[in-house]
Amino acid sequence: MAKVLMTAQVQDGAKWETSFRTHGDLFKTYGLLGPVQFTVSGNEVAQSMETEDVQAFLNSINESQTVEAMKVDGVKRDTVKVYVLYKSAS
């Protein structure tokens, strides 16, 4: 199991959040282990999620339905950063 952190800039934070909340069915296809947690700060967003299969998750965020959802949400794709968190301080 791995935790994934994604960050991005969006055109409008409030619009992004409203649209992002409608993607529950899409998230189910990602093989996530729990809910997607997120925060919005102005035009910057961050999401945290856990997955069993990091490579499958990374592949899914580049599939056409995800790319289209990001476009509708106003995500600036060139600003998307993905961090896989494998290390822990304890």
PDB file of N, CA and C in Angstrom:
ATOM      1  N   MET A   1       0.851  -1.168   0.000  1.00  0.00           N
ATOM      2  CA  MET A   1       0.000   0.000   0.000  1.00  0.00           C
ATOM      3  C   MET A   1       0.899   1.232   0.000  1.00  0.00           C
ATOM      4  N   ALA A   2       0.504   2.228  -0.781  1.00  0.00           N
ATOM      5  CA  ALA A   2       1.262   3.468  -0.851  1.00  0.00           C
ATOM      6  C   ALA A   2       0.321   4.655  -0.813  1.00  0.00           C
ATOM      7  N   LYS A   3       0.796   5.708  -0.195  1.00  0.00           N
ATOM      8  CA  LYS A   3       0.045   6.957  -0.189  1.00  0.00           C
ATOM      9  C   LYS A   3       0.584   7.807  -1.330  1.00  0.00           C
ATOM     10  N   VAL A   4      -0.335   8.450  -2.054  1.00  0.00           N
ATOM     11  CA  VAL A   4       0.021   9.302  -3.178  1.00  0.00           C
ATOM     12  C   VAL A   4      -0.476  10.713  -2.889  1.00  0.00           C
ATOM     13  N   LEU A   5       0.375  11.685  -3.152  1.00  0.00           N
ATOM     14  CA  LEU A   5       0.026  13.095  -3.014  1.00  0.00           C
ATOM     15  C   LEU A   5       0.124  13.725  -4.393  1.00  0.00           C
ATOM     16  N   MET A   6      -0.951  14.381  -4.817  1.00  0.00           N
ATOM     17  CA  MET A   6      -0.950  15.094  -6.100  1.00  0.00           C
ATOM     18  C   MET A   6      -1.216  16.558  -5.830  1.00  0.00           C
ATOM     19  N   THR A   7      -0.493  17.418  -6.528  1.00  0.00           N
ATOM     20  CA  THR A   7      -0.734  18.850  -6.439  1.00  0.00           C
ATOM     21  C   THR A   7      -0.907  19.400  -7.844  1.00  0.00           C
ATOM     22  N   ALA A   8      -1.606  20.524  -7.946  1.00  0.00           N
ATOM     23  CA  ALA A   8      -1.794  21.165  -9.251  1.00  0.00           C
ATOM     24  C   ALA A   8      -2.302  22.582  -9.047  1.00  0.00           C
ATOM     25  N   GLN A   9      -2.144  23.365 -10.066  1.00  0.00           N
ATOM     26  CA  GLN A   9      -2.767  24.675 -10.133  1.00  0.00           C
ATOM     27  C   GLN A   9      -4.029  24.526 -10.976  1.00  0.00           C
ATOM     28  N   VAL A  10      -5.055  25.281 -10.605  1.00  0.00           N
ATOM     29  CA  VAL A  10      -6.328  25.234 -11.316  1.00  0.00           C
ATOM     30  C   VAL A  10      -6.742  26.648 -11.678  1.00  0.00           C
ATOM     31  N   GLN A  11      -7.638  26.744 -12.638  1.00  0.00           N
ATOM     32  CA  GLN A  11      -8.098  28.067 -13.067  1.00  0.00           C
ATOM     33  C   GLN A  11      -8.923  28.760 -11.991  1.00  0.00           C
ATOM     34  N   ASP A  12      -9.745  27.997 -11.277  1.00  0.00           N
ATOM     35  CA  ASP A  12     -10.631  28.558 -10.258  1.00  0.00           C
ATOM     36  C   ASP A  12     -10.832  27.502  -9.177  1.00  0.00           C
ATOM     37  N   GLY A  13     -10.328  27.761  -7.979  1.00  0.00           N
ATOM     38  CA  GLY A  13     -10.382  26.781  -6.902  1.00  0.00           C
ATOM     39  C   GLY A  13     -11.782  26.349  -6.524  1.00  0.00           C
ATOM     40  N   ALA A  14     -12.714  27.295  -6.450  1.00  0.00           N
ATOM     41  CA  ALA A  14     -14.090  26.954  -6.075  1.00  0.00           C
ATOM     42  C   ALA A  14     -14.754  26.102  -7.151  1.00  0.00           C
ATOM     43  N   LYS A  15     -14.557  26.449  -8.410  1.00  0.00           N
ATOM     44  CA  LYS A  15     -15.121  25.663  -9.514  1.00  0.00           C
ATOM     45  C   LYS A  15     -14.507  24.270  -9.515  1.00  0.00           C
ATOM     46  N   TRP A  16     -13.187  24.191  -9.304  1.00  0.00           N
ATOM     47  CA  TRP A  16     -12.523  22.891  -9.271  1.00  0.00           C
ATOM     48  C   TRP A  16     -13.150  22.006  -8.210  1.00  0.00           C
ATOM     49  N   GLU A  17     -13.325  22.527  -6.993  1.00  0.00           N
ATOM     50  CA  GLU A  17     -13.862  21.703  -5.911  1.00  0.00           C
ATOM     51  C   GLU A  17     -15.257  21.195  -6.235  1.00  0.00           C
ATOM     52  N   THR A  18     -16.112  22.052  -6.750  1.00  0.00           N
ATOM     53  CA  THR A  18     -17.469  21.640  -7.096  1.00  0.00           C
ATOM     54  C   THR A  18     -17.450  20.521  -8.130  1.00  0.00           C
ATOM     55  N   SER A  19     -16.641  20.678  -9.148  1.00  0.00           N
ATOM     56  CA  SER A  19     -16.558  19.674 -10.209  1.00  0.00           C
ATOM     57  C   SER A  19     -15.869  18.403  -9.714  1.00  0.00           C
ATOM     58  N   PHE A  20     -14.793  18.542  -8.956  1.00  0.00           N
ATOM     59  CA  PHE A  20     -14.025  17.410  -8.437  1.00  0.00           C
ATOM     60  C   PHE A  20     -14.907  16.475  -7.609  1.00  0.00           C
ATOM     61  N   ARG A  21     -15.820  17.031  -6.848  1.00  0.00           N
ATOM     62  CA  ARG A  21     -16.696  16.236  -5.982  1.00  0.00           C
ATOM     63  C   ARG A  21     -17.651  15.335  -6.772  1.00  0.00           C
ATOM     64  N   THR A  22     -17.775  15.549  -8.079  1.00  0.00           N
ATOM     65  CA  THR A  22     -18.695  14.737  -8.888  1.00  0.00           C
ATOM     66  C   THR A  22     -18.017  13.511  -9.495  1.00  0.00           C
ATOM     67  N   HIS A  23     -16.749  13.289  -9.228  1.00  0.00           N
ATOM     68  CA  HIS A  23     -15.997  12.230  -9.896  1.00  0.00           C
ATOM     69  C   HIS A  23     -15.892  10.928  -9.105  1.00  0.00           C
ATOM     70  N   GLY A  24     -16.805  10.678  -8.200  1.00  0.00           N
ATOM     71  CA  GLY A  24     -16.759   9.464  -7.378  1.00  0.00           C
ATOM     72  C   GLY A  24     -16.671   8.178  -8.184  1.00  0.00           C
ATOM     73  N   ASP A  25     -17.458   8.068  -9.257  1.00  0.00           N
ATOM     74  CA  ASP A  25     -17.425   6.851 -10.074  1.00  0.00           C
ATOM     75  C   ASP A  25     -16.072   6.678 -10.747  1.00  0.00           C
ATOM     76  N   LEU A  26     -15.471   7.772 -11.170  1.00  0.00           N
ATOM     77  CA  LEU A  26     -14.151   7.708 -11.792  1.00  0.00           C
ATOM     78  C   LEU A  26     -13.112   7.248 -10.766  1.00  0.00           C
ATOM     79  N   PHE A  27     -13.185   7.779  -9.545  1.00  0.00           N
ATOM     80  CA  PHE A  27     -12.226   7.394  -8.505  1.00  0.00           C
ATOM     81  C   PHE A  27     -12.291   5.900  -8.208  1.00  0.00           C
ATOM     82  N   LYS A  28     -13.478   5.306  -8.320  1.00  0.00           N
ATOM     83  CA  LYS A  28     -13.634   3.869  -8.053  1.00  0.00           C
ATOM     84  C   LYS A  28     -12.808   3.031  -9.025  1.00  0.00           C
ATOM     85  N   THR A  29     -12.522   3.553 -10.206  1.00  0.00           N
ATOM     86  CA  THR A  29     -11.744   2.795 -11.194  1.00  0.00           C
ATOM     87  C   THR A  29     -10.248   2.837 -10.892  1.00  0.00           C
ATOM     88  N   TYR A  30      -9.824   3.655  -9.941  1.00  0.00           N
ATOM     89  CA  TYR A  30      -8.403   3.825  -9.640  1.00  0.00           C
ATOM     90  C   TYR A  30      -7.845   2.792  -8.664  1.00  0.00           C
ATOM     91  N   GLY A  31      -8.700   1.967  -8.073  1.00  0.00           N
ATOM     92  CA  GLY A  31      -8.219   0.989  -7.106  1.00  0.00           C
ATOM     93  C   GLY A  31      -7.770   1.626  -5.799  1.00  0.00           C
ATOM     94  N   LEU A  32      -8.451   2.664  -5.389  1.00  0.00           N
ATOM     95  CA  LEU A  32      -8.085   3.357  -4.151  1.00  0.00           C
ATOM     96  C   LEU A  32      -8.591   2.586  -2.941  1.00  0.00           C
ATOM     97  N   LEU A  33      -7.900   2.740  -1.829  1.00  0.00           N
ATOM     98  CA  LEU A  33      -8.238   2.013  -0.608  1.00  0.00           C
ATOM     99  C   LEU A  33      -9.140   2.792   0.333  1.00  0.00           C
ATOM    100  N   GLY A  34      -9.392   4.027   0.067  1.00  0.00           N
ATOM    101  CA  GLY A  34     -10.240   4.842   0.915  1.00  0.00           C
ATOM    102  C   GLY A  34     -10.618   6.112   0.189  1.00  0.00           C
ATOM    103  N   PRO A  35     -11.184   7.036   0.907  1.00  0.00           N
ATOM    104  CA  PRO A  35     -11.606   8.285   0.266  1.00  0.00           C
ATOM    105  C   PRO A  35     -10.406   9.146  -0.148  1.00  0.00           C
ATOM    106  N   VAL A  36     -10.642   9.967  -1.140  1.00  0.00           N
ATOM    107  CA  VAL A  36      -9.645  10.949  -1.569  1.00  0.00           C
ATOM    108  C   VAL A  36      -9.784  12.154  -0.645  1.00  0.00           C
ATOM    109  N   GLN A  37      -8.688  12.542  -0.021  1.00  0.00           N
ATOM    110  CA  GLN A  37      -8.691  13.740   0.813  1.00  0.00           C
ATOM    111  C   GLN A  37      -8.055  14.860  -0.005  1.00  0.00           C
ATOM    112  N   PHE A  38      -8.548  16.074   0.179  1.00  0.00           N
ATOM    113  CA  PHE A  38      -8.018  17.182  -0.613  1.00  0.00           C
ATOM    114  C   PHE A  38      -8.136  18.494   0.130  1.00  0.00           C
ATOM    115  N   THR A  39      -7.415  19.470  -0.377  1.00  0.00           N
ATOM    116  CA  THR A  39      -7.518  20.830   0.118  1.00  0.00           C
ATOM    117  C   THR A  39      -7.367  21.783  -1.057  1.00  0.00           C
ATOM    118  N   VAL A  40      -7.941  22.955  -0.900  1.00  0.00           N
ATOM    119  CA  VAL A  40      -7.873  23.996  -1.919  1.00  0.00           C
ATOM    120  C   VAL A  40      -7.354  25.252  -1.246  1.00  0.00           C
ATOM    121  N   SER A  41      -6.342  25.859  -1.844  1.00  0.00           N
ATOM    122  CA  SER A  41      -5.803  27.122  -1.339  1.00  0.00           C
ATOM    123  C   SER A  41      -5.688  28.064  -2.528  1.00  0.00           C
ATOM    124  N   GLY A  42      -6.701  28.903  -2.692  1.00  0.00           N
ATOM    125  CA  GLY A  42      -6.727  29.792  -3.850  1.00  0.00           C
ATOM    126  C   GLY A  42      -6.852  28.971  -5.116  1.00  0.00           C
ATOM    127  N   ASN A  43      -5.845  29.064  -5.962  1.00  0.00           N
ATOM    128  CA  ASN A  43      -5.843  28.302  -7.217  1.00  0.00           C
ATOM    129  C   ASN A  43      -4.892  27.109  -7.174  1.00  0.00           C
ATOM    130  N   GLU A  44      -4.546  26.676  -5.964  1.00  0.00           N
ATOM    131  CA  GLU A  44      -3.712  25.487  -5.808  1.00  0.00           C
ATOM    132  C   GLU A  44      -4.508  24.423  -5.069  1.00  0.00           C
ATOM    133  N   VAL A  45      -4.355  23.183  -5.529  1.00  0.00           N
ATOM    134  CA  VAL A  45      -5.061  22.082  -4.896  1.00  0.00           C
ATOM    135  C   VAL A  45      -4.067  20.969  -4.577  1.00  0.00           C
ATOM    136  N   ALA A  46      -4.398  20.193  -3.569  1.00  0.00           N
ATOM    137  CA  ALA A  46      -3.599  19.018  -3.207  1.00  0.00           C
ATOM    138  C   ALA A  46      -4.572  17.907  -2.849  1.00  0.00           C
ATOM    139  N   GLN A  47      -4.236  16.692  -3.278  1.00  0.00           N
ATOM    140  CA  GLN A  47      -5.067  15.521  -3.012  1.00  0.00           C
ATOM    141  C   GLN A  47      -4.185  14.424  -2.440  1.00  0.00           C
ATOM    142  N   SER A  48      -4.751  13.684  -1.502  1.00  0.00           N
ATOM    143  CA  SER A  48      -4.042  12.558  -0.902  1.00  0.00           C
ATOM    144  C   SER A  48      -4.923  11.328  -1.033  1.00  0.00           C
ATOM    145  N   MET A  49      -4.301  10.210  -1.442  1.00  0.00           N
ATOM    146  CA  MET A  49      -5.044   8.970  -1.592  1.00  0.00           C
ATOM    147  C   MET A  49      -4.118   7.788  -1.360  1.00  0.00           C
ATOM    148  N   GLU A  50      -4.712   6.628  -1.074  1.00  0.00           N
ATOM    149  CA  GLU A  50      -3.929   5.410  -0.887  1.00  0.00           C
ATOM    150  C   GLU A  50      -4.324   4.404  -1.955  1.00  0.00           C
ATOM    151  N   THR A  51      -3.326   3.687  -2.457  1.00  0.00           N
ATOM    152  CA  THR A  51      -3.567   2.690  -3.489  1.00  0.00           C
ATOM    153  C   THR A  51      -2.719   1.454  -3.239  1.00  0.00           C
ATOM    154  N   GLU A  52      -3.221   0.306  -3.665  1.00  0.00           N
ATOM    155  CA  GLU A  52      -2.464  -0.948  -3.592  1.00  0.00           C
ATOM    156  C   GLU A  52      -1.439  -1.020  -4.712  1.00  0.00           C
ATOM    157  N   ASP A  53      -1.780  -0.451  -5.886  1.00  0.00           N
ATOM    158  CA  ASP A  53      -0.954  -0.597  -7.080  1.00  0.00           C
ATOM    159  C   ASP A  53      -0.607   0.784  -7.643  1.00  0.00           C
ATOM    160  N   VAL A  54       0.558   1.280  -7.280  1.00  0.00           N
ATOM    161  CA  VAL A  54       0.968   2.623  -7.685  1.00  0.00           C
ATOM    162  C   VAL A  54       1.034   2.753  -9.198  1.00  0.00           C
ATOM    163  N   GLN A  55       1.608   1.775  -9.880  1.00  0.00           N
ATOM    164  CA  GLN A  55       1.746   1.877 -11.330  1.00  0.00           C
ATOM    165  C   GLN A  55       0.386   1.929 -12.026  1.00  0.00           C
ATOM    166  N   ALA A  56      -0.560   1.116 -11.565  1.00  0.00           N
ATOM    167  CA  ALA A  56      -1.908   1.147 -12.140  1.00  0.00           C
ATOM    168  C   ALA A  56      -2.549   2.511 -11.903  1.00  0.00           C
ATOM    169  N   PHE A  57      -2.346   3.074 -10.722  1.00  0.00           N
ATOM    170  CA  PHE A  57      -2.889   4.406 -10.432  1.00  0.00           C
ATOM    171  C   PHE A  57      -2.263   5.443 -11.360  1.00  0.00           C
ATOM    172  N   LEU A  58      -0.941   5.410 -11.497  1.00  0.00           N
ATOM    173  CA  LEU A  58      -0.260   6.373 -12.360  1.00  0.00           C
ATOM    174  C   LEU A  58      -0.732   6.245 -13.808  1.00  0.00           C
ATOM    175  N   ASN A  59      -0.966   5.033 -14.254  1.00  0.00           N
ATOM    176  CA  ASN A  59      -1.505   4.835 -15.603  1.00  0.00           C
ATOM    177  C   ASN A  59      -2.906   5.428 -15.726  1.00  0.00           C
ATOM    178  N   SER A  60      -3.736   5.235 -14.702  1.00  0.00           N
ATOM    179  CA  SER A  60      -5.128   5.690 -14.773  1.00  0.00           C
ATOM    180  C   SER A  60      -5.252   7.206 -14.841  1.00  0.00           C
ATOM    181  N   ILE A  61      -4.325   7.930 -14.217  1.00  0.00           N
ATOM    182  CA  ILE A  61      -4.457   9.391 -14.253  1.00  0.00           C
ATOM    183  C   ILE A  61      -4.067   9.967 -15.605  1.00  0.00           C
ATOM    184  N   ASN A  62      -3.534   9.131 -16.486  1.00  0.00           N
ATOM    185  CA  ASN A  62      -3.211   9.578 -17.846  1.00  0.00           C
ATOM    186  C   ASN A  62      -4.176   9.036 -18.892  1.00  0.00           C
ATOM    187  N   GLU A  63      -5.206   8.309 -18.455  1.00  0.00           N
ATOM    188  CA  GLU A  63      -6.212   7.800 -19.383  1.00  0.00           C
ATOM    189  C   GLU A  63      -7.153   8.926 -19.796  1.00  0.00           C
ATOM    190  N   SER A  64      -7.783   8.747 -20.937  1.00  0.00           N
ATOM    191  CA  SER A  64      -8.590   9.814 -21.544  1.00  0.00           C
ATOM    192  C   SER A  64      -9.692  10.342 -20.628  1.00  0.00           C
ATOM    193  N   GLN A  65     -10.363   9.463 -19.868  1.00  0.00           N
ATOM    194  CA  GLN A  65     -11.451   9.943 -19.016  1.00  0.00           C
ATOM    195  C   GLN A  65     -10.927  10.835 -17.885  1.00  0.00           C
ATOM    196  N   THR A  66      -9.744  10.542 -17.372  1.00  0.00           N
ATOM    197  CA  THR A  66      -9.166  11.386 -16.330  1.00  0.00           C
ATOM    198  C   THR A  66      -8.670  12.696 -16.915  1.00  0.00           C
ATOM    199  N   VAL A  67      -8.032  12.623 -18.065  1.00  0.00           N
ATOM    200  CA  VAL A  67      -7.562  13.847 -18.736  1.00  0.00           C
ATOM    201  C   VAL A  67      -8.748  14.770 -19.014  1.00  0.00           C
ATOM    202  N   GLU A  68      -9.852  14.206 -19.479  1.00  0.00           N
ATOM    203  CA  GLU A  68     -11.047  15.013 -19.763  1.00  0.00           C
ATOM    204  C   GLU A  68     -11.629  15.600 -18.479  1.00  0.00           C
ATOM    205  N   ALA A  69     -11.675  14.803 -17.410  1.00  0.00           N
ATOM    206  CA  ALA A  69     -12.193  15.304 -16.129  1.00  0.00           C
ATOM    207  C   ALA A  69     -11.339  16.465 -15.628  1.00  0.00           C
ATOM    208  N   MET A  70     -10.025  16.344 -15.746  1.00  0.00           N
ATOM    209  CA  MET A  70      -9.142  17.435 -15.322  1.00  0.00           C
ATOM    210  C   MET A  70      -9.384  18.689 -16.159  1.00  0.00           C
ATOM    211  N   LYS A  71      -9.611  18.498 -17.438  1.00  0.00           N
ATOM    212  CA  LYS A  71      -9.886  19.634 -18.322  1.00  0.00           C
ATOM    213  C   LYS A  71     -11.174  20.345 -17.894  1.00  0.00           C
ATOM    214  N   VAL A  72     -12.220  19.573 -17.652  1.00  0.00           N
ATOM    215  CA  VAL A  72     -13.500  20.143 -17.208  1.00  0.00           C
ATOM    216  C   VAL A  72     -13.332  20.862 -15.864  1.00  0.00           C
ATOM    217  N   ASP A  73     -12.505  20.296 -14.989  1.00  0.00           N
ATOM    218  CA  ASP A  73     -12.278  20.879 -13.661  1.00  0.00           C
ATOM    219  C   ASP A  73     -11.409  22.132 -13.703  1.00  0.00           C
ATOM    220  N   GLY A  74     -10.763  22.390 -14.833  1.00  0.00           N
ATOM    221  CA  GLY A  74      -9.899  23.560 -14.946  1.00  0.00           C
ATOM    222  C   GLY A  74      -8.490  23.335 -14.430  1.00  0.00           C
ATOM    223  N   VAL A  75      -8.046  22.073 -14.420  1.00  0.00           N
ATOM    224  CA  VAL A  75      -6.691  21.762 -13.971  1.00  0.00           C
ATOM    225  C   VAL A  75      -5.696  22.158 -15.055  1.00  0.00           C
ATOM    226  N   LYS A  76      -4.638  22.829 -14.643  1.00  0.00           N
ATOM    227  CA  LYS A  76      -3.541  23.155 -15.558  1.00  0.00           C
ATOM    228  C   LYS A  76      -2.603  21.944 -15.559  1.00  0.00           C
ATOM    229  N   ARG A  77      -2.774  21.063 -16.541  1.00  0.00           N
ATOM    230  CA  ARG A  77      -2.081  19.763 -16.562  1.00  0.00           C
ATOM    231  C   ARG A  77      -0.565  19.882 -16.442  1.00  0.00           C
ATOM    232  N   ASP A  78      -0.001  20.943 -16.986  1.00  0.00           N
ATOM    233  CA  ASP A  78       1.459  21.072 -16.922  1.00  0.00           C
ATOM    234  C   ASP A  78       1.959  21.379 -15.519  1.00  0.00           C
ATOM    235  N   THR A  79       1.040  21.647 -14.576  1.00  0.00           N
ATOM    236  CA  THR A  79       1.444  21.919 -13.194  1.00  0.00           C
ATOM    237  C   THR A  79       1.218  20.721 -12.276  1.00  0.00           C
ATOM    238  N   VAL A  80       0.646  19.649 -12.791  1.00  0.00           N
ATOM    239  CA  VAL A  80       0.350  18.471 -11.965  1.00  0.00           C
ATOM    240  C   VAL A  80       1.658  17.814 -11.520  1.00  0.00           C
ATOM    241  N   LYS A  81       1.757  17.585 -10.224  1.00  0.00           N
ATOM    242  CA  LYS A  81       2.903  16.872  -9.652  1.00  0.00           C
ATOM    243  C   LYS A  81       2.356  15.713  -8.834  1.00  0.00           C
ATOM    244  N   VAL A  82       3.009  14.564  -8.956  1.00  0.00           N
ATOM    245  CA  VAL A  82       2.596  13.363  -8.230  1.00  0.00           C
ATOM    246  C   VAL A  82       3.767  12.897  -7.380  1.00  0.00           C
ATOM    247  N   TYR A  83       3.492  12.693  -6.103  1.00  0.00           N
ATOM    248  CA  TYR A  83       4.501  12.206  -5.168  1.00  0.00           C
ATOM    249  C   TYR A  83       3.999  10.898  -4.566  1.00  0.00           C
ATOM    250  N   VAL A  84       4.803   9.854  -4.631  1.00  0.00           N
ATOM    251  CA  VAL A  84       4.482   8.598  -3.989  1.00  0.00           C
ATOM    252  C   VAL A  84       5.251   8.567  -2.668  1.00  0.00           C
ATOM    253  N   LEU A  85       4.505   8.479  -1.566  1.00  0.00           N
ATOM    254  CA  LEU A  85       5.112   8.568  -0.236  1.00  0.00           C
ATOM    255  C   LEU A  85       5.392   7.154   0.289  1.00  0.00           C
ATOM    256  N   TYR A  86       6.662   6.766   0.216  1.00  0.00           N
ATOM    257  CA  TYR A  86       7.068   5.441   0.676  1.00  0.00           C
ATOM    258  C   TYR A  86       7.747   5.471   2.036  1.00  0.00           C
ATOM    259  N   LYS A  87       8.192   6.635   2.453  1.00  0.00           N
ATOM    260  CA  LYS A  87       8.984   6.730   3.676  1.00  0.00           C
ATOM    261  C   LYS A  87       8.151   7.263   4.829  1.00  0.00           C
ATOM    262  N   SER A  88       8.581   6.918   6.029  1.00  0.00           N
ATOM    263  CA  SER A  88       7.910   7.392   7.226  1.00  0.00           C
ATOM    264  C   SER A  88       8.958   7.785   8.245  1.00  0.00           C
ATOM    265  N   ALA A  89       8.636   8.744   9.069  1.00  0.00           N
ATOM    266  CA  ALA A  89       9.592   9.240  10.061  1.00  0.00           C
ATOM    267  C   ALA A  89       9.697   8.303  11.266  1.00  0.00           C
ATOM    268  N   SER A  90       8.718   7.468  11.462  1.00  0.00           N
ATOM    269  CA  SER A  90       8.774   6.583  12.643  1.00  0.00           C
ATOM    270  C   SER A  90       9.231   5.198  12.308  1.00  0.00           C
TER     271      SER A  90
END
